[in-house]
Amino acid sequence: MAVTEREKNLFGCSVQVVSRSEEEIVYKLTDKSGDVLMTSHQIFPGIELIYNDVHARRCYVERAPRGNYLEINHCREGRIEFAFHDDYFYLTKGDFSLNVKHESPHESYFPLSHYLGVSVLIDLDRAPENLNCILGDINVCPQELANRFCKDSFCFIARPTAQLEYLFSELYSVPHNIRKGFFKIKVLELLLHLFHYEDTAQNEICKRSVKKSSVNLAKDICNYLTEHMDSHITITELGEIFHVSQTTLKKSFKDVYGVSIYSFIRSQKMQVAALLLRQTECTVLEIAGKFGYDNGSKFACAFKNIIGMAPNEYRNSHVEEHTAVYAEKRA
């Protein structure tokens, strides 16, 4: 299915359109680290609501948005990285952020190879100057919203208030038959709450800052662990390999990945196994063997604990999706 120039600018030249209808557009990005599924709903002129379902470590966009965009993100599960100069920041479960999208190619990094969340993308050049033209009492200016939150920093990150948390949660369970109207109401409500967000609320970006040297160390450790997924590696061995103390090693890794090294290894084995189930025809037993399991039942149990369903059930749930994508490519 054809991809428009605007879609390439936003999501990169490699983006695929899985389906397109009046109500939604489903985009897909795939590389060797996994795949990203984005379901976009046009809410108002210049305002989109996008559901992000990520099972990948990286997502590279060759082009940048041509224009003036404000992006509001909420993380339901997983973790996403934001980089600014030599500092790095992480959005984790329950967090929300506002950021202005830069006009340069960029790479999104998902430390846990897993991220579920929702985004409100506002094209500030196309969106109404004031949303009271949609509903009289909604006196919200999107550009002013961007100026308030992103004037002193390229990004605002915080835990939501109880009201905002409830608003975000409602976006994840919407009855299909009322979806179109519900989205309009909730996006207006969300923007209204953000526009009147407490002035005393603090941007947590400074206290969440992680230095580039720590990030590079953590990612080097991650790459090493990924390349030796079939081996049992101790913290002592990692300290010797990377010539750092165990304290520095563990702190750097936890700052970036949000979990201990051992927890990360357990989770990543199953995330990679899930990728193999989606993208290859290897049997479950063959995949289990790649991660040191000689017993299919033990592997299935470990897989279900991390992914939430048995390996065969997981593979079957993705067959229909891949068939649809293949059909689109052949069309």
Protein backbone atom coordinates (compact mmCIF):
# COMPACT_ATOMS: atom_id res chain seq x y z
CA MET A 1 0.00 0.00 0.00
CA ALA A 2 1.37 3.43 -1.01
CA VAL A 3 3.04 5.60 1.62
CA THR A 4 2.65 9.39 1.38
CA GLU A 5 5.55 11.84 1.50
CA ARG A 6 4.33 13.17 4.85
CA GLU A 7 4.29 9.65 6.30
CA LYS A 8 7.86 9.08 5.10
CA ASN A 9 8.93 12.36 6.70
CA LEU A 10 7.40 11.36 10.02
CA PHE A 11 8.20 7.66 10.22
CA GLY A 12 11.07 7.12 7.75
CA CYS A 13 11.36 5.73 4.24
CA SER A 14 11.13 2.12 5.40
CA VAL A 15 7.67 2.49 6.94
CA GLN A 16 4.96 0.16 5.64
CA VAL A 17 1.23 0.86 5.62
CA VAL A 18 -0.44 -2.33 6.84
CA SER A 19 -3.98 -0.96 6.44
CA ARG A 20 -5.67 2.34 5.73
CA SER A 21 -9.29 3.32 6.38
CA GLU A 22 -11.30 6.42 7.24
CA GLU A 23 -10.97 5.61 10.95
CA GLU A 24 -7.34 4.52 11.28
CA ILE A 25 -4.02 3.89 9.58
CA VAL A 26 -1.74 1.07 10.77
CA TYR A 27 2.00 1.55 10.13
CA LYS A 28 4.79 -0.98 10.59
CA LEU A 29 8.56 -0.67 10.86
CA THR A 30 10.71 -3.80 10.83
CA ASP A 31 14.43 -4.44 11.18
CA LYS A 32 16.68 -7.14 12.61
CA SER A 33 15.98 -5.98 16.18
CA GLY A 34 12.22 -6.47 15.83
CA ASP A 35 9.15 -4.57 14.74
CA VAL A 36 7.12 -1.49 15.62
CA LEU A 37 3.38 -1.23 15.04
CA MET A 38 1.74 2.22 15.12
CA THR A 39 -2.02 2.69 14.84
CA SER A 40 -2.93 6.30 14.03
CA HIS A 41 -6.32 7.98 14.43
CA GLN A 42 -6.94 11.45 12.98
CA ILE A 43 -8.77 13.31 15.77
CA PHE A 44 -8.87 16.94 14.59
CA PRO A 45 -7.04 18.80 11.82
CA GLY A 46 -3.35 18.53 12.66
CA ILE A 47 -3.96 16.32 15.74
CA GLU A 48 -3.42 12.54 15.73
CA LEU A 49 -3.72 9.87 18.41
CA ILE A 50 -1.19 7.05 17.91
CA TYR A 51 -0.98 3.70 19.69
CA ASN A 52 2.59 2.37 19.81
CA ASP A 53 3.25 -1.36 20.13
CA VAL A 54 7.02 -1.90 20.08
CA HIS A 55 8.92 -5.17 20.12
CA ALA A 56 12.30 -3.89 18.98
CA ARG A 57 15.48 -2.46 20.46
CA ARG A 58 15.85 0.38 17.94
CA CYS A 59 13.77 2.30 15.47
CA TYR A 60 15.63 4.58 13.05
CA VAL A 61 13.91 7.40 11.15
CA GLU A 62 15.98 8.60 8.20
CA ARG A 63 14.06 11.82 7.80
CA ALA A 64 12.73 14.34 10.27
CA PRO A 65 9.32 16.00 10.60
CA ARG A 66 9.11 18.94 8.23
CA GLY A 67 7.24 21.39 10.36
CA ASN A 68 6.55 22.23 13.95
CA TYR A 69 5.38 19.25 16.01
CA LEU A 70 4.52 18.77 19.67
CA GLU A 71 4.37 15.17 20.87
CA ILE A 72 2.68 14.00 24.09
CA ASN A 73 3.65 10.48 25.16
CA HIS A 74 2.34 8.14 27.83
CA CYS A 75 4.16 4.90 28.67
CA ARG A 76 1.94 1.98 29.64
CA GLU A 77 4.65 -0.70 29.60
CA GLY A 78 8.37 -0.87 28.87
CA ARG A 79 10.87 1.95 28.50
CA ILE A 80 11.91 4.55 25.89
CA GLU A 81 15.04 6.70 25.70
CA PHE A 82 15.32 10.41 24.95
CA ALA A 83 18.74 11.90 24.17
CA PHE A 84 19.75 15.55 24.30
CA HIS A 85 23.43 16.46 23.78
CA ASP A 86 25.37 14.30 26.29
CA ASP A 87 22.42 13.57 28.59
CA TYR A 88 19.92 10.74 28.37
CA PHE A 89 16.46 10.40 29.91
CA TYR A 90 14.05 7.50 30.18
CA LEU A 91 10.28 7.34 30.08
CA THR A 92 9.09 4.33 32.07
CA LYS A 93 5.79 2.71 33.07
CA GLY A 94 3.23 5.34 34.09
CA ASP A 95 5.30 8.36 32.99
CA PHE A 96 4.18 11.00 30.52
CA SER A 97 6.21 13.48 28.51
CA LEU A 98 5.89 16.42 26.15
CA ASN A 99 8.57 17.17 23.60
CA VAL A 100 9.12 19.13 20.42
CA LYS A 101 10.18 16.92 17.51
CA HIS A 102 13.51 17.98 16.03
CA GLU A 103 14.27 18.46 12.35
CA SER A 104 16.99 15.83 12.03
CA PRO A 105 17.21 12.08 11.52
CA HIS A 106 16.91 10.24 14.81
CA GLU A 107 16.89 6.82 16.40
CA SER A 108 14.40 5.77 19.05
CA TYR A 109 15.90 3.35 21.56
CA PHE A 110 13.82 0.92 23.64
CA PRO A 111 16.11 -0.59 26.30
CA LEU A 112 13.84 -3.55 27.08
CA SER A 113 12.89 -4.25 23.44
CA HIS A 114 9.32 -3.73 24.59
CA TYR A 115 7.18 -0.62 24.77
CA LEU A 116 3.45 0.00 24.83
CA GLY A 117 2.09 3.50 24.92
CA VAL A 118 0.00 6.21 23.35
CA SER A 119 1.03 9.48 21.70
CA VAL A 120 -0.82 12.64 20.78
CA LEU A 121 0.98 14.22 17.83
CA ILE A 122 0.14 17.86 17.17
CA ASP A 123 1.21 19.61 13.97
CA LEU A 124 1.34 23.13 15.36
CA ASP A 125 1.21 24.65 11.86
CA ARG A 126 -1.98 22.75 10.95
CA ALA A 127 -3.83 22.42 14.25
CA PRO A 128 -6.31 25.15 15.29
CA GLU A 129 -4.66 28.09 17.04
CA ASN A 130 -7.21 27.72 19.83
CA LEU A 131 -9.34 24.62 20.41
CA ASN A 132 -12.29 26.76 21.44
CA CYS A 133 -13.19 26.71 17.73
CA ILE A 134 -14.09 23.04 18.32
CA LEU A 135 -15.73 23.45 21.71
CA GLY A 136 -16.30 26.94 23.06
CA ASP A 137 -15.20 26.35 26.66
CA ILE A 138 -11.96 24.55 25.71
CA ASN A 139 -9.68 27.59 25.72
CA VAL A 140 -6.47 25.74 24.82
CA CYS A 141 -3.72 27.01 22.49
CA PRO A 142 -1.46 24.13 21.32
CA GLN A 143 1.48 26.46 20.59
CA GLU A 144 1.23 27.97 24.06
CA LEU A 145 1.17 24.43 25.47
CA ALA A 146 4.45 23.71 23.65
CA ASN A 147 5.99 26.95 24.88
CA ARG A 148 5.03 26.27 28.50
CA PHE A 149 6.38 22.74 28.71
CA CYS A 150 9.32 22.86 26.30
CA LYS A 151 10.60 26.42 26.54
CA ASP A 152 13.46 25.78 28.98
CA SER A 153 14.05 22.15 28.04
CA PHE A 154 13.46 20.18 24.87
CA CYS A 155 11.41 17.67 26.89
CA PHE A 156 9.16 17.57 29.96
CA ILE A 157 8.91 14.27 31.89
CA ALA A 158 6.84 13.62 35.01
CA ARG A 159 4.56 11.22 36.81
CA PRO A 160 0.91 12.11 36.05
CA THR A 161 -1.51 13.53 38.57
CA ALA A 162 -4.39 11.24 39.58
CA GLN A 163 -6.64 12.98 37.02
CA LEU A 164 -4.12 12.64 34.19
CA GLU A 165 -3.40 9.03 35.09
CA TYR A 166 -7.10 8.23 34.87
CA LEU A 167 -7.40 10.07 31.55
CA PHE A 168 -4.51 8.13 30.01
CA SER A 169 -5.86 4.82 31.34
CA GLU A 170 -9.20 5.42 29.60
CA LEU A 171 -7.46 5.59 26.23
CA TYR A 172 -6.41 1.93 26.49
CA SER A 173 -9.91 0.44 26.81
CA VAL A 174 -12.28 2.04 24.32
CA PRO A 175 -15.39 0.23 23.00
CA HIS A 176 -15.07 0.03 19.22
CA ASN A 177 -18.59 1.32 18.51
CA ILE A 178 -17.98 4.66 20.30
CA ARG A 179 -14.28 5.00 19.51
CA LYS A 180 -14.39 7.95 17.10
CA GLY A 181 -16.37 10.27 19.35
CA PHE A 182 -14.68 9.01 22.52
CA PHE A 183 -11.23 9.85 21.15
CA LYS A 184 -12.29 13.42 20.38
CA ILE A 185 -13.69 13.97 23.86
CA LYS A 186 -10.68 12.44 25.62
CA VAL A 187 -8.05 14.26 23.57
CA LEU A 188 -9.79 17.57 24.28
CA GLU A 189 -10.01 16.64 27.96
CA LEU A 190 -6.34 15.66 28.07
CA LEU A 191 -5.18 18.88 26.41
CA LEU A 192 -7.39 20.94 28.73
CA HIS A 193 -5.89 19.26 31.83
CA LEU A 194 -2.35 19.75 30.51
CA PHE A 195 -3.02 23.39 29.67
CA HIS A 196 -4.02 23.98 33.29
CA TYR A 197 -1.40 21.67 34.73
CA GLU A 198 -0.18 22.87 38.12
CA ASP A 199 2.58 25.45 37.83
CA THR A 200 4.22 23.87 40.87
CA ALA A 201 4.71 20.58 39.03
CA GLN A 202 8.40 19.90 38.50
CA ASN A 203 10.03 18.61 35.37
CA GLU A 204 11.87 15.46 36.49
CA ILE A 205 14.25 15.54 33.56
CA CYS A 206 17.24 16.79 35.62
CA LYS A 207 17.05 14.16 38.34
CA ARG A 208 16.56 11.47 35.70
CA SER A 209 19.59 12.54 33.68
CA VAL A 210 22.10 9.78 32.86
CA LYS A 211 25.52 10.74 31.50
CA LYS A 212 26.63 9.52 28.08
CA SER A 213 29.56 7.55 29.54
CA SER A 214 27.21 5.52 31.75
CA VAL A 215 24.79 4.97 28.87
CA ASN A 216 27.60 3.77 26.58
CA LEU A 217 28.84 1.37 29.26
CA ALA A 218 25.35 -0.03 29.85
CA LYS A 219 24.74 -0.49 26.12
CA ASP A 220 28.12 -2.18 25.64
CA ILE A 221 27.19 -4.60 28.44
CA CYS A 222 23.80 -5.17 26.82
CA ASN A 223 25.38 -5.90 23.43
CA TYR A 224 27.82 -8.33 25.02
CA LEU A 225 25.02 -10.13 26.87
CA THR A 226 22.93 -10.28 23.69
CA GLU A 227 25.82 -11.81 21.73
CA HIS A 228 26.36 -14.42 24.47
CA MET A 229 22.74 -15.24 25.22
CA ASP A 230 23.51 -18.97 25.43
CA SER A 231 26.22 -18.49 28.09
CA HIS A 232 26.02 -18.00 31.85
CA ILE A 233 27.88 -14.78 32.64
CA THR A 234 28.47 -13.46 36.16
CA ILE A 235 28.69 -9.85 37.37
CA THR A 236 32.31 -10.52 38.36
CA GLU A 237 33.15 -11.60 34.82
CA LEU A 238 31.45 -8.53 33.35
CA GLY A 239 33.42 -6.24 35.67
CA GLU A 240 36.66 -7.83 34.49
CA ILE A 241 35.67 -7.64 30.82
CA PHE A 242 34.72 -3.94 30.97
CA HIS A 243 37.34 -2.93 33.56
CA VAL A 244 34.89 -1.27 35.97
CA SER A 245 33.79 -1.96 39.51
CA GLN A 246 30.71 -4.09 40.09
CA THR A 247 29.01 -1.10 41.73
CA THR A 248 29.56 1.14 38.68
CA LEU A 249 28.54 -1.65 36.35
CA LYS A 250 25.28 -2.43 38.17
CA LYS A 251 24.32 1.24 38.64
CA SER A 252 24.97 2.19 35.01
CA PHE A 253 22.95 -0.76 33.79
CA LYS A 254 20.03 -0.10 36.16
CA ASP A 255 19.95 3.61 35.19
CA VAL A 256 19.48 2.75 31.51
CA TYR A 257 17.49 -0.49 31.58
CA GLY A 258 15.57 -0.02 34.81
CA VAL A 259 16.19 -3.60 35.94
CA SER A 260 19.07 -5.68 37.27
CA ILE A 261 21.38 -7.44 34.84
CA TYR A 262 20.02 -10.86 35.75
CA SER A 263 16.40 -9.73 35.31
CA PHE A 264 17.33 -8.22 31.96
CA ILE A 265 18.94 -11.46 30.76
CA ARG A 266 15.85 -13.50 31.65
CA SER A 267 13.54 -11.04 29.93
CA GLN A 268 15.68 -10.59 26.81
CA LYS A 269 15.99 -14.29 26.17
CA MET A 270 12.21 -14.50 25.95
CA GLN A 271 11.90 -11.27 23.91
CA VAL A 272 14.38 -12.63 21.35
CA ALA A 273 12.54 -15.96 21.40
CA ALA A 274 9.32 -14.06 20.68
CA LEU A 275 11.02 -12.34 17.73
CA LEU A 276 12.10 -15.74 16.35
CA LEU A 277 8.56 -17.04 16.74
CA ARG A 278 7.27 -14.05 14.77
CA GLN A 279 9.89 -13.85 12.04
CA THR A 280 11.15 -17.43 11.48
CA GLU A 281 9.78 -20.93 11.00
CA CYS A 282 12.04 -22.48 13.67
CA THR A 283 10.22 -24.96 15.90
CA VAL A 284 9.60 -24.10 19.52
CA LEU A 285 12.11 -26.77 20.58
CA GLU A 286 14.77 -25.35 18.22
CA ILE A 287 14.25 -21.87 19.67
CA ALA A 288 14.34 -23.25 23.22
CA GLY A 289 17.72 -24.86 22.45
CA LYS A 290 19.18 -21.53 21.35
CA PHE A 291 18.73 -20.26 24.91
CA GLY A 292 20.03 -23.27 26.77
CA TYR A 293 16.71 -25.09 27.32
CA ASP A 294 16.73 -28.80 26.54
CA ASN A 295 13.22 -29.17 27.93
CA GLY A 296 10.33 -27.67 25.95
CA SER A 297 8.06 -27.48 28.99
CA LYS A 298 10.55 -25.45 31.03
CA PHE A 299 11.05 -23.08 28.11
CA ALA A 300 7.27 -22.69 27.62
CA CYS A 301 6.86 -21.89 31.31
CA ALA A 302 9.67 -19.27 31.25
CA PHE A 303 8.27 -17.79 28.03
CA LYS A 304 4.76 -17.47 29.46
CA ASN A 305 6.06 -15.82 32.64
CA ILE A 306 7.66 -13.03 30.58
CA ILE A 307 5.46 -12.72 27.47
CA GLY A 308 2.12 -13.69 28.99
CA MET A 309 1.19 -16.62 26.75
CA ALA A 310 2.59 -19.98 25.67
CA PRO A 311 5.00 -20.03 22.65
CA ASN A 312 2.59 -21.76 20.24
CA GLU A 313 -0.26 -19.49 21.29
CA TYR A 314 1.99 -16.46 20.75
CA ARG A 315 3.08 -17.63 17.29
CA ASN A 316 -0.51 -18.36 16.22
CA SER A 317 -1.66 -14.93 17.37
CA HIS A 318 0.79 -13.32 14.91
CA VAL A 319 0.06 -15.51 11.87
CA GLU A 320 -2.93 -13.43 10.78
CA GLU A 321 -0.99 -10.17 11.11
CA HIS A 322 1.94 -11.42 9.00
CA THR A 323 -0.45 -12.79 6.38
CA ALA A 324 -2.06 -9.36 6.09
CA VAL A 325 1.30 -7.63 5.71
CA TYR A 326 2.41 -10.13 3.04
CA ALA A 327 -0.84 -9.60 1.15
CA GLU A 328 -0.27 -5.83 1.16
CA LYS A 329 3.25 -6.28 -0.22
CA ARG A 330 1.96 -8.50 -3.01
CA ALA A 331 -0.88 -6.12 -3.93
